[in-house]
Full PDB file with SEQRES, HELIX, SHEET, SSBOND, CRYST1, ORIGX, SCALE, CONECT and MASTER records, all heavy atoms in Angstrom:
SEQRES   1 A   38  LEU ARG ALA GLY THR GLY ASN MET ASP LEU LEU VAL ALA          
SEQRES   2 A   38  ILE GLY THR SER ALA GLY TRP GLY LEU SER MET TRP MET          
SEQRES   3 A   38  TRP GLN VAL ALA GLY SER GLU HIS LEU TYR PHE GLU              
HELIX    1 AA1 MET A    8  TRP A   25  1                                  18    
HELIX    2 AA2 MET A   26  ALA A   30  3                                   5    
CRYST1    1.000    1.000    1.000  90.00  90.00  90.00 P 1           1          
ORIGX1      1.000000  0.000000  0.000000        0.00000                         
ORIGX2      0.000000  1.000000  0.000000        0.00000                         
ORIGX3      0.000000  0.000000  1.000000        0.00000                         
SCALE1      1.000000  0.000000  0.000000        0.00000                         
SCALE2      0.000000  1.000000  0.000000        0.00000                         
SCALE3      0.000000  0.000000  1.000000        0.00000                         
ATOM      1  N   LEU A   1       2.265   8.460 -12.675  1.00  0.00           N  
ATOM      2  CA  LEU A   1       1.101   8.231 -13.542  1.00  0.00           C  
ATOM      3  C   LEU A   1       0.880   9.407 -14.485  1.00  0.00           C  
ATOM      4  O   LEU A   1       0.591   9.213 -15.675  1.00  0.00           O  
ATOM      5  CB  LEU A   1      -0.145   8.001 -12.692  1.00  0.00           C  
ATOM      6  CG  LEU A   1      -0.323   6.613 -12.073  1.00  0.00           C  
ATOM      7  CD1 LEU A   1      -1.578   6.587 -11.218  1.00  0.00           C  
ATOM      8  CD2 LEU A   1      -0.394   5.545 -13.162  1.00  0.00           C  
ATOM      9  N   ARG A   2       1.019  10.607 -13.968  1.00  0.00           N  
ATOM     10  CA  ARG A   2       0.840  11.792 -14.815  1.00  0.00           C  
ATOM     11  C   ARG A   2       1.881  11.838 -15.926  1.00  0.00           C  
ATOM     12  O   ARG A   2       1.603  12.321 -17.031  1.00  0.00           O  
ATOM     13  CB  ARG A   2       0.938  13.057 -13.968  1.00  0.00           C  
ATOM     14  CG  ARG A   2      -0.267  13.296 -13.070  1.00  0.00           C  
ATOM     15  CD  ARG A   2      -0.092  14.593 -12.291  1.00  0.00           C  
ATOM     16  NE  ARG A   2       0.091  15.737 -13.181  1.00  0.00           N  
ATOM     17  CZ  ARG A   2       0.426  16.952 -12.766  1.00  0.00           C  
ATOM     18  NH1 ARG A   2       0.628  17.172 -11.474  1.00  0.00           N  
ATOM     19  NH2 ARG A   2       0.560  17.937 -13.628  1.00  0.00           N  
ATOM     20  N   ALA A   3       3.079  11.338 -15.634  1.00  0.00           N  
ATOM     21  CA  ALA A   3       4.138  11.326 -16.637  1.00  0.00           C  
ATOM     22  C   ALA A   3       4.023  10.123 -17.573  1.00  0.00           C  
ATOM     23  O   ALA A   3       4.827   9.970 -18.491  1.00  0.00           O  
ATOM     24  CB  ALA A   3       5.510  11.309 -15.950  1.00  0.00           C  
ATOM     25  N   GLY A   4       3.021   9.256 -17.347  1.00  0.00           N  
ATOM     26  CA  GLY A   4       2.827   8.090 -18.207  1.00  0.00           C  
ATOM     27  C   GLY A   4       3.807   6.976 -17.961  1.00  0.00           C  
ATOM     28  O   GLY A   4       4.067   6.158 -18.844  1.00  0.00           O  
ATOM     29  N   THR A   5       4.373   6.900 -16.750  1.00  0.00           N  
ATOM     30  CA  THR A   5       5.340   5.859 -16.416  1.00  0.00           C  
ATOM     31  C   THR A   5       4.941   5.217 -15.088  1.00  0.00           C  
ATOM     32  O   THR A   5       3.957   5.595 -14.458  1.00  0.00           O  
ATOM     33  CB  THR A   5       6.760   6.435 -16.306  1.00  0.00           C  
ATOM     34  OG1 THR A   5       6.791   7.417 -15.257  1.00  0.00           O  
ATOM     35  CG2 THR A   5       7.190   7.088 -17.608  1.00  0.00           C  
ATOM     36  N   GLY A   6       5.721   4.260 -14.674  1.00  0.00           N  
ATOM     37  CA  GLY A   6       5.527   3.620 -13.374  1.00  0.00           C  
ATOM     38  C   GLY A   6       6.828   3.565 -12.611  1.00  0.00           C  
ATOM     39  O   GLY A   6       7.906   3.663 -13.200  1.00  0.00           O  
ATOM     40  N   ASN A   7       6.743   3.437 -11.301  1.00  0.00           N  
ATOM     41  CA  ASN A   7       7.946   3.309 -10.487  1.00  0.00           C  
ATOM     42  C   ASN A   7       7.619   2.472  -9.244  1.00  0.00           C  
ATOM     43  O   ASN A   7       6.484   2.018  -9.059  1.00  0.00           O  
ATOM     44  CB  ASN A   7       8.512   4.680 -10.098  1.00  0.00           C  
ATOM     45  CG  ASN A   7       7.483   5.547  -9.377  1.00  0.00           C  
ATOM     46  OD1 ASN A   7       6.462   5.062  -8.894  1.00  0.00           O  
ATOM     47  ND2 ASN A   7       7.763   6.840  -9.298  1.00  0.00           N  
ATOM     48  N   MET A   8       8.620   2.284  -8.407  1.00  0.00           N  
ATOM     49  CA  MET A   8       8.432   1.463  -7.225  1.00  0.00           C  
ATOM     50  C   MET A   8       7.431   2.093  -6.264  1.00  0.00           C  
ATOM     51  O   MET A   8       6.653   1.386  -5.608  1.00  0.00           O  
ATOM     52  CB  MET A   8       9.771   1.254  -6.511  1.00  0.00           C  
ATOM     53  CG  MET A   8       9.702   0.250  -5.367  1.00  0.00           C  
ATOM     54  SD  MET A   8      11.245   0.112  -4.465  1.00  0.00           S  
ATOM     55  CE  MET A   8      11.214   1.653  -3.545  1.00  0.00           C  
ATOM     56  N   ASP A   9       7.432   3.414  -6.171  1.00  0.00           N  
ATOM     57  CA  ASP A   9       6.495   4.081  -5.274  1.00  0.00           C  
ATOM     58  C   ASP A   9       5.046   3.782  -5.667  1.00  0.00           C  
ATOM     59  O   ASP A   9       4.187   3.574  -4.801  1.00  0.00           O  
ATOM     60  CB  ASP A   9       6.735   5.595  -5.296  1.00  0.00           C  
ATOM     61  CG  ASP A   9       8.100   5.966  -4.742  1.00  0.00           C  
ATOM     62  OD1 ASP A   9       8.528   5.318  -3.774  1.00  0.00           O  
ATOM     63  OD2 ASP A   9       8.735   6.885  -5.278  1.00  0.00           O  
ATOM     64  N   LEU A  10       4.784   3.759  -6.953  1.00  0.00           N  
ATOM     65  CA  LEU A  10       3.432   3.446  -7.423  1.00  0.00           C  
ATOM     66  C   LEU A  10       3.046   2.021  -7.050  1.00  0.00           C  
ATOM     67  O   LEU A  10       1.918   1.755  -6.611  1.00  0.00           O  
ATOM     68  CB  LEU A  10       3.361   3.648  -8.939  1.00  0.00           C  
ATOM     69  CG  LEU A  10       2.017   3.330  -9.600  1.00  0.00           C  
ATOM     70  CD1 LEU A  10       0.915   4.212  -9.042  1.00  0.00           C  
ATOM     71  CD2 LEU A  10       2.128   3.488 -11.122  1.00  0.00           C  
ATOM     72  N   LEU A  11       3.986   1.089  -7.193  1.00  0.00           N  
ATOM     73  CA  LEU A  11       3.704  -0.308  -6.834  1.00  0.00           C  
ATOM     74  C   LEU A  11       3.432  -0.447  -5.337  1.00  0.00           C  
ATOM     75  O   LEU A  11       2.523  -1.180  -4.921  1.00  0.00           O  
ATOM     76  CB  LEU A  11       4.873  -1.187  -7.251  1.00  0.00           C  
ATOM     77  CG  LEU A  11       5.136  -1.307  -8.759  1.00  0.00           C  
ATOM     78  CD1 LEU A  11       6.378  -2.146  -9.008  1.00  0.00           C  
ATOM     79  CD2 LEU A  11       3.942  -1.911  -9.472  1.00  0.00           C  
ATOM     80  N   VAL A  12       4.234   0.243  -4.513  1.00  0.00           N  
ATOM     81  CA  VAL A  12       4.019   0.182  -3.063  1.00  0.00           C  
ATOM     82  C   VAL A  12       2.653   0.753  -2.709  1.00  0.00           C  
ATOM     83  O   VAL A  12       1.914   0.178  -1.891  1.00  0.00           O  
ATOM     84  CB  VAL A  12       5.143   0.947  -2.329  1.00  0.00           C  
ATOM     85  CG1 VAL A  12       4.821   1.085  -0.850  1.00  0.00           C  
ATOM     86  CG2 VAL A  12       6.478   0.221  -2.503  1.00  0.00           C  
ATOM     87  N   ALA A  13       2.296   1.881  -3.318  1.00  0.00           N  
ATOM     88  CA  ALA A  13       1.002   2.507  -3.023  1.00  0.00           C  
ATOM     89  C   ALA A  13      -0.151   1.581  -3.402  1.00  0.00           C  
ATOM     90  O   ALA A  13      -1.109   1.410  -2.630  1.00  0.00           O  
ATOM     91  CB  ALA A  13       0.892   3.839  -3.761  1.00  0.00           C  
ATOM     92  N   ILE A  14      -0.084   0.964  -4.571  1.00  0.00           N  
ATOM     93  CA  ILE A  14      -1.170   0.080  -5.016  1.00  0.00           C  
ATOM     94  C   ILE A  14      -1.266  -1.163  -4.136  1.00  0.00           C  
ATOM     95  O   ILE A  14      -2.349  -1.552  -3.680  1.00  0.00           O  
ATOM     96  CB  ILE A  14      -0.964  -0.318  -6.490  1.00  0.00           C  
ATOM     97  CG1 ILE A  14      -1.120   0.901  -7.403  1.00  0.00           C  
ATOM     98  CG2 ILE A  14      -1.949  -1.409  -6.896  1.00  0.00           C  
ATOM     99  CD1 ILE A  14      -0.781   0.624  -8.852  1.00  0.00           C  
ATOM    100  N   GLY A  15      -0.113  -1.789  -3.864  1.00  0.00           N  
ATOM    101  CA  GLY A  15      -0.116  -3.027  -3.086  1.00  0.00           C  
ATOM    102  C   GLY A  15      -0.598  -2.837  -1.658  1.00  0.00           C  
ATOM    103  O   GLY A  15      -1.447  -3.599  -1.161  1.00  0.00           O  
ATOM    104  N   THR A  16      -0.070  -1.820  -0.988  1.00  0.00           N  
ATOM    105  CA  THR A  16      -0.470  -1.606   0.410  1.00  0.00           C  
ATOM    106  C   THR A  16      -1.914  -1.106   0.511  1.00  0.00           C  
ATOM    107  O   THR A  16      -2.633  -1.454   1.454  1.00  0.00           O  
ATOM    108  CB  THR A  16       0.476  -0.606   1.090  1.00  0.00           C  
ATOM    109  OG1 THR A  16       0.492   0.626   0.340  1.00  0.00           O  
ATOM    110  CG2 THR A  16       1.890  -1.164   1.160  1.00  0.00           C  
ATOM    111  N   SER A  17      -2.352  -0.305  -0.465  1.00  0.00           N  
ATOM    112  CA  SER A  17      -3.754   0.145  -0.453  1.00  0.00           C  
ATOM    113  C   SER A  17      -4.699  -1.036  -0.624  1.00  0.00           C  
ATOM    114  O   SER A  17      -5.782  -1.078  -0.009  1.00  0.00           O  
ATOM    115  CB  SER A  17      -3.986   1.165  -1.573  1.00  0.00           C  
ATOM    116  OG  SER A  17      -3.216   2.329  -1.367  1.00  0.00           O  
ATOM    117  N   ALA A  18      -4.295  -1.995  -1.462  1.00  0.00           N  
ATOM    118  CA  ALA A  18      -5.126  -3.190  -1.645  1.00  0.00           C  
ATOM    119  C   ALA A  18      -5.243  -3.972  -0.338  1.00  0.00           C  
ATOM    120  O   ALA A  18      -6.338  -4.432   0.036  1.00  0.00           O  
ATOM    121  CB  ALA A  18      -4.537  -4.074  -2.737  1.00  0.00           C  
ATOM    122  N   GLY A  19      -4.126  -4.112   0.393  1.00  0.00           N  
ATOM    123  CA  GLY A  19      -4.167  -4.823   1.671  1.00  0.00           C  
ATOM    124  C   GLY A  19      -5.012  -4.107   2.704  1.00  0.00           C  
ATOM    125  O   GLY A  19      -5.805  -4.730   3.426  1.00  0.00           O  
ATOM    126  N   TRP A  20      -4.848  -2.787   2.775  1.00  0.00           N  
ATOM    127  CA  TRP A  20      -5.641  -2.007   3.740  1.00  0.00           C  
ATOM    128  C   TRP A  20      -7.124  -2.029   3.372  1.00  0.00           C  
ATOM    129  O   TRP A  20      -7.993  -2.214   4.231  1.00  0.00           O  
ATOM    130  CB  TRP A  20      -5.120  -0.570   3.765  1.00  0.00           C  
ATOM    131  CG  TRP A  20      -5.741   0.289   4.833  1.00  0.00           C  
ATOM    132  CD1 TRP A  20      -5.309   0.467   6.106  1.00  0.00           C  
ATOM    133  CD2 TRP A  20      -6.929   1.094   4.694  1.00  0.00           C  
ATOM    134  NE1 TRP A  20      -6.128   1.324   6.783  1.00  0.00           N  
ATOM    135  CE2 TRP A  20      -7.149   1.727   5.945  1.00  0.00           C  
ATOM    136  CE3 TRP A  20      -7.823   1.338   3.663  1.00  0.00           C  
ATOM    137  CZ2 TRP A  20      -8.216   2.588   6.167  1.00  0.00           C  
ATOM    138  CZ3 TRP A  20      -8.890   2.192   3.880  1.00  0.00           C  
ATOM    139  CH2 TRP A  20      -9.080   2.808   5.119  1.00  0.00           C  
ATOM    140  N   GLY A  21      -7.424  -1.861   2.080  1.00  0.00           N  
ATOM    141  CA  GLY A  21      -8.820  -1.858   1.651  1.00  0.00           C  
ATOM    142  C   GLY A  21      -9.493  -3.207   1.848  1.00  0.00           C  
ATOM    143  O   GLY A  21     -10.662  -3.279   2.267  1.00  0.00           O  
ATOM    144  N   LEU A  22      -8.767  -4.304   1.583  1.00  0.00           N  
ATOM    145  CA  LEU A  22      -9.329  -5.635   1.799  1.00  0.00           C  
ATOM    146  C   LEU A  22      -9.620  -5.864   3.279  1.00  0.00           C  
ATOM    147  O   LEU A  22     -10.651  -6.457   3.642  1.00  0.00           O  
ATOM    148  CB  LEU A  22      -8.360  -6.700   1.273  1.00  0.00           C  
ATOM    149  CG  LEU A  22      -8.778  -8.156   1.472  1.00  0.00           C  
ATOM    150  CD1 LEU A  22     -10.077  -8.455   0.735  1.00  0.00           C  
ATOM    151  CD2 LEU A  22      -7.660  -9.105   1.016  1.00  0.00           C  
ATOM    152  N   SER A  23      -8.720  -5.393   4.131  1.00  0.00           N  
ATOM    153  CA  SER A  23      -8.941  -5.539   5.573  1.00  0.00           C  
ATOM    154  C   SER A  23     -10.185  -4.790   6.013  1.00  0.00           C  
ATOM    155  O   SER A  23     -10.977  -5.290   6.833  1.00  0.00           O  
ATOM    156  CB  SER A  23      -7.708  -5.033   6.341  1.00  0.00           C  
ATOM    157  OG  SER A  23      -6.562  -5.782   6.008  1.00  0.00           O  
ATOM    158  N   MET A  24     -10.380  -3.574   5.493  1.00  0.00           N  
ATOM    159  CA  MET A  24     -11.579  -2.815   5.842  1.00  0.00           C  
ATOM    160  C   MET A  24     -12.847  -3.541   5.391  1.00  0.00           C  
ATOM    161  O   MET A  24     -13.840  -3.609   6.132  1.00  0.00           O  
ATOM    162  CB  MET A  24     -11.520  -1.421   5.189  1.00  0.00           C  
ATOM    163  CG  MET A  24     -10.502  -0.480   5.818  1.00  0.00           C  
ATOM    164  SD  MET A  24     -10.909  -0.064   7.542  1.00  0.00           S  
ATOM    165  CE  MET A  24     -12.442   0.840   7.311  1.00  0.00           C  
ATOM    166  N   TRP A  25     -12.831  -4.111   4.205  1.00  0.00           N  
ATOM    167  CA  TRP A  25     -14.021  -4.824   3.702  1.00  0.00           C  
ATOM    168  C   TRP A  25     -14.313  -6.064   4.545  1.00  0.00           C  
ATOM    169  O   TRP A  25     -15.469  -6.319   4.904  1.00  0.00           O  
ATOM    170  CB  TRP A  25     -13.794  -5.214   2.247  1.00  0.00           C  
ATOM    171  CG  TRP A  25     -14.986  -5.902   1.625  1.00  0.00           C  
ATOM    172  CD1 TRP A  25     -16.056  -5.309   1.027  1.00  0.00           C  
ATOM    173  CD2 TRP A  25     -15.208  -7.310   1.578  1.00  0.00           C  
ATOM    174  NE1 TRP A  25     -16.955  -6.253   0.595  1.00  0.00           N  
ATOM    175  CE2 TRP A  25     -16.461  -7.501   0.920  1.00  0.00           C  
ATOM    176  CE3 TRP A  25     -14.499  -8.425   2.008  1.00  0.00           C  
ATOM    177  CZ2 TRP A  25     -16.993  -8.768   0.700  1.00  0.00           C  
ATOM    178  CZ3 TRP A  25     -15.038  -9.679   1.784  1.00  0.00           C  
ATOM    179  CH2 TRP A  25     -16.271  -9.847   1.136  1.00  0.00           C  
ATOM    180  N   MET A  26     -13.243  -6.827   4.870  1.00  0.00           N  
ATOM    181  CA  MET A  26     -13.448  -8.043   5.670  1.00  0.00           C  
ATOM    182  C   MET A  26     -13.921  -7.703   7.078  1.00  0.00           C  
ATOM    183  O   MET A  26     -14.689  -8.458   7.689  1.00  0.00           O  
ATOM    184  CB  MET A  26     -12.150  -8.856   5.721  1.00  0.00           C  
ATOM    185  CG  MET A  26     -11.724  -9.395   4.370  1.00  0.00           C  
ATOM    186  SD  MET A  26     -10.178 -10.328   4.433  1.00  0.00           S  
ATOM    187  CE  MET A  26     -10.701 -11.770   5.359  1.00  0.00           C  
ATOM    188  N   TRP A  27     -13.482  -6.553   7.597  1.00  0.00           N  
ATOM    189  CA  TRP A  27     -13.883  -6.165   8.963  1.00  0.00           C  
ATOM    190  C   TRP A  27     -15.304  -5.613   8.981  1.00  0.00           C  
ATOM    191  O   TRP A  27     -16.144  -6.043   9.775  1.00  0.00           O  
ATOM    192  CB  TRP A  27     -12.876  -5.124   9.477  1.00  0.00           C  
ATOM    193  CG  TRP A  27     -13.204  -4.529  10.810  1.00  0.00           C  
ATOM    194  CD1 TRP A  27     -13.859  -5.122  11.848  1.00  0.00           C  
ATOM    195  CD2 TRP A  27     -12.886  -3.204  11.253  1.00  0.00           C  
ATOM    196  NE1 TRP A  27     -13.973  -4.259  12.916  1.00  0.00           N  
ATOM    197  CE2 TRP A  27     -13.375  -3.076  12.580  1.00  0.00           C  
ATOM    198  CE3 TRP A  27     -12.219  -2.133  10.677  1.00  0.00           C  
ATOM    199  CZ2 TRP A  27     -13.226  -1.913  13.320  1.00  0.00           C  
ATOM    200  CZ3 TRP A  27     -12.059  -0.973  11.419  1.00  0.00           C  
ATOM    201  CH2 TRP A  27     -12.564  -0.860  12.715  1.00  0.00           C  
ATOM    202  N   GLN A  28     -15.605  -4.692   8.072  1.00  0.00           N  
ATOM    203  CA  GLN A  28     -16.891  -3.997   8.112  1.00  0.00           C  
ATOM    204  C   GLN A  28     -18.017  -4.761   7.408  1.00  0.00           C  
ATOM    205  O   GLN A  28     -19.182  -4.653   7.815  1.00  0.00           O  
ATOM    206  CB  GLN A  28     -16.735  -2.617   7.464  1.00  0.00           C  
ATOM    207  CG  GLN A  28     -15.804  -1.687   8.210  1.00  0.00           C  
ATOM    208  CD  GLN A  28     -16.317  -1.320   9.591  1.00  0.00           C  
ATOM    209  OE1 GLN A  28     -17.523  -1.229   9.827  1.00  0.00           O  
ATOM    210  NE2 GLN A  28     -15.394  -1.121  10.528  1.00  0.00           N  
ATOM    211  N   VAL A  29     -17.686  -5.507   6.362  1.00  0.00           N  
ATOM    212  CA  VAL A  29     -18.723  -6.161   5.564  1.00  0.00           C  
ATOM    213  C   VAL A  29     -18.818  -7.646   5.875  1.00  0.00           C  
ATOM    214  O   VAL A  29     -19.897  -8.174   6.196  1.00  0.00           O  
ATOM    215  CB  VAL A  29     -18.470  -5.933   4.059  1.00  0.00           C  
ATOM    216  CG1 VAL A  29     -19.540  -6.654   3.229  1.00  0.00           C  
ATOM    217  CG2 VAL A  29     -18.454  -4.445   3.734  1.00  0.00           C  
ATOM    218  N   ALA A  30     -17.686  -8.326   5.801  1.00  0.00           N  
ATOM    219  CA  ALA A  30     -17.700  -9.776   5.988  1.00  0.00           C  
ATOM    220  C   ALA A  30     -17.690 -10.172   7.460  1.00  0.00           C  
ATOM    221  O   ALA A  30     -17.994 -11.327   7.794  1.00  0.00           O  
ATOM    222  CB  ALA A  30     -16.516 -10.413   5.270  1.00  0.00           C  
ATOM    223  N   GLY A  31     -17.294  -9.264   8.344  1.00  0.00           N  
ATOM    224  CA  GLY A  31     -17.245  -9.576   9.765  1.00  0.00           C  
ATOM    225  C   GLY A  31     -16.181 -10.572  10.143  1.00  0.00           C  
ATOM    226  O   GLY A  31     -16.280 -11.256  11.163  1.00  0.00           O  
ATOM    227  N   SER A  32     -15.124 -10.656   9.347  1.00  0.00           N  
ATOM    228  CA  SER A  32     -14.045 -11.618   9.610  1.00  0.00           C  
ATOM    229  C   SER A  32     -13.003 -11.003  10.538  1.00  0.00           C  
ATOM    230  O   SER A  32     -12.793  -9.788  10.567  1.00  0.00           O  
ATOM    231  CB  SER A  32     -13.384 -12.026   8.293  1.00  0.00           C  
ATOM    232  OG  SER A  32     -12.254 -12.842   8.531  1.00  0.00           O  
ATOM    233  N   GLU A  33     -12.325 -11.867  11.300  1.00  0.00           N  
ATOM    234  CA  GLU A  33     -11.244 -11.424  12.178  1.00  0.00           C  
ATOM    235  C   GLU A  33      -9.873 -11.586  11.525  1.00  0.00           C  
ATOM    236  O   GLU A  33      -8.864 -11.186  12.103  1.00  0.00           O  
ATOM    237  CB  GLU A  33     -11.277 -12.214  13.489  1.00  0.00           C  
ATOM    238  CG  GLU A  33     -12.533 -11.960  14.324  1.00  0.00           C  
ATOM    239  CD  GLU A  33     -12.498 -12.713  15.632  1.00  0.00           C  
ATOM    240  OE1 GLU A  33     -11.527 -13.476  15.837  1.00  0.00           O  
ATOM    241  OE2 GLU A  33     -13.423 -12.537  16.446  1.00  0.00           O  
ATOM    242  N   HIS A  34      -9.821 -12.192  10.357  1.00  0.00           N  
ATOM    243  CA  HIS A  34      -8.548 -12.398   9.659  1.00  0.00           C  
ATOM    244  C   HIS A  34      -8.292 -11.191   8.764  1.00  0.00           C  
ATOM    245  O   HIS A  34      -8.752 -11.133   7.619  1.00  0.00           O  
ATOM    246  CB  HIS A  34      -8.591 -13.686   8.846  1.00  0.00           C  
ATOM    247  CG  HIS A  34      -8.813 -14.910   9.678  1.00  0.00           C  
ATOM    248  ND1 HIS A  34      -7.837 -15.447  10.484  1.00  0.00           N  
ATOM    249  CD2 HIS A  34      -9.921 -15.675   9.863  1.00  0.00           C  
ATOM    250  CE1 HIS A  34      -8.316 -16.512  11.115  1.00  0.00           C  
ATOM    251  NE2 HIS A  34      -9.581 -16.673  10.754  1.00  0.00           N  
ATOM    252  N   LEU A  35      -7.581 -10.234   9.311  1.00  0.00           N  
ATOM    253  CA  LEU A  35      -7.327  -8.972   8.622  1.00  0.00           C  
ATOM    254  C   LEU A  35      -5.859  -8.870   8.191  1.00  0.00           C  
ATOM    255  O   LEU A  35      -5.013  -9.638   8.655  1.00  0.00           O  
ATOM    256  CB  LEU A  35      -7.696  -7.793   9.527  1.00  0.00           C  
ATOM    257  CG  LEU A  35      -9.100  -7.858  10.148  1.00  0.00           C  
ATOM    258  CD1 LEU A  35      -9.332  -6.674  11.062  1.00  0.00           C  
ATOM    259  CD2 LEU A  35     -10.171  -7.937   9.065  1.00  0.00           C  
ATOM    260  N   TYR A  36      -5.588  -7.889   7.336  1.00  0.00           N  
ATOM    261  CA  TYR A  36      -4.237  -7.749   6.777  1.00  0.00           C  
ATOM    262  C   TYR A  36      -3.678  -6.342   6.989  1.00  0.00           C  
ATOM    263  O   TYR A  36      -2.839  -5.881   6.224  1.00  0.00           O  
ATOM    264  CB  TYR A  36      -4.263  -8.075   5.280  1.00  0.00           C  
ATOM    265  CG  TYR A  36      -4.750  -9.471   4.990  1.00  0.00           C  
ATOM    266  CD1 TYR A  36      -6.089  -9.700   4.681  1.00  0.00           C  
ATOM    267  CD2 TYR A  36      -3.886 -10.553   5.073  1.00  0.00           C  
ATOM    268  CE1 TYR A  36      -6.549 -10.984   4.433  1.00  0.00           C  
ATOM    269  CE2 TYR A  36      -4.338 -11.835   4.829  1.00  0.00           C  
ATOM    270  CZ  TYR A  36      -5.670 -12.057   4.510  1.00  0.00           C  
ATOM    271  OH  TYR A  36      -6.112 -13.331   4.277  1.00  0.00           O  
ATOM    272  N   PHE A  37      -4.120  -5.682   8.056  1.00  0.00           N  
ATOM    273  CA  PHE A  37      -3.582  -4.351   8.347  1.00  0.00           C  
ATOM    274  C   PHE A  37      -2.074  -4.405   8.583  1.00  0.00           C  
ATOM    275  O   PHE A  37      -1.341  -3.492   8.194  1.00  0.00           O  
ATOM    276  CB  PHE A  37      -4.274  -3.756   9.574  1.00  0.00           C  
ATOM    277  CG  PHE A  37      -5.676  -3.282   9.311  1.00  0.00           C  
ATOM    278  CD1 PHE A  37      -6.752  -3.843   9.967  1.00  0.00           C  
ATOM    279  CD2 PHE A  37      -5.913  -2.257   8.400  1.00  0.00           C  
ATOM    280  CE1 PHE A  37      -8.050  -3.395   9.743  1.00  0.00           C  
ATOM    281  CE2 PHE A  37      -7.203  -1.804   8.162  1.00  0.00           C  
ATOM    282  CZ  PHE A  37      -8.277  -2.378   8.828  1.00  0.00           C  
ATOM    283  N   GLU A  38      -1.636  -5.479   9.262  1.00  0.00           N  
ATOM    284  CA  GLU A  38      -0.205  -5.550   9.579  1.00  0.00           C  
ATOM    285  C   GLU A  38       0.649  -5.671   8.318  1.00  0.00           C  
ATOM    286  O   GLU A  38       1.776  -5.165   8.258  1.00  0.00           O  
ATOM    287  CB  GLU A  38       0.084  -6.724  10.534  1.00  0.00           C  
ATOM    288  CG  GLU A  38       0.208  -8.088   9.902  1.00  0.00           C  
ATOM    289  CD  GLU A  38      -1.129  -8.654   9.450  1.00  0.00           C  
ATOM    290  OE1 GLU A  38      -2.184  -8.135   9.887  1.00  0.00           O  
ATOM    291  OE2 GLU A  38      -1.121  -9.617   8.678  1.00  0.00           O  
TER     292      GLU A  38                                                      
MASTER        0    0    0    2    0    0    0    6  291    1    0    3          
END                                                                             
């Protein structure tokens, strides 16, 4: 990002962070048991 480009590592970081963050929201806020930590 600092170099103004993208790579596979950036995509992995964004995608997995989205899955982990969604799981936290569904667990703590929505109270759902269908999580995506795995």
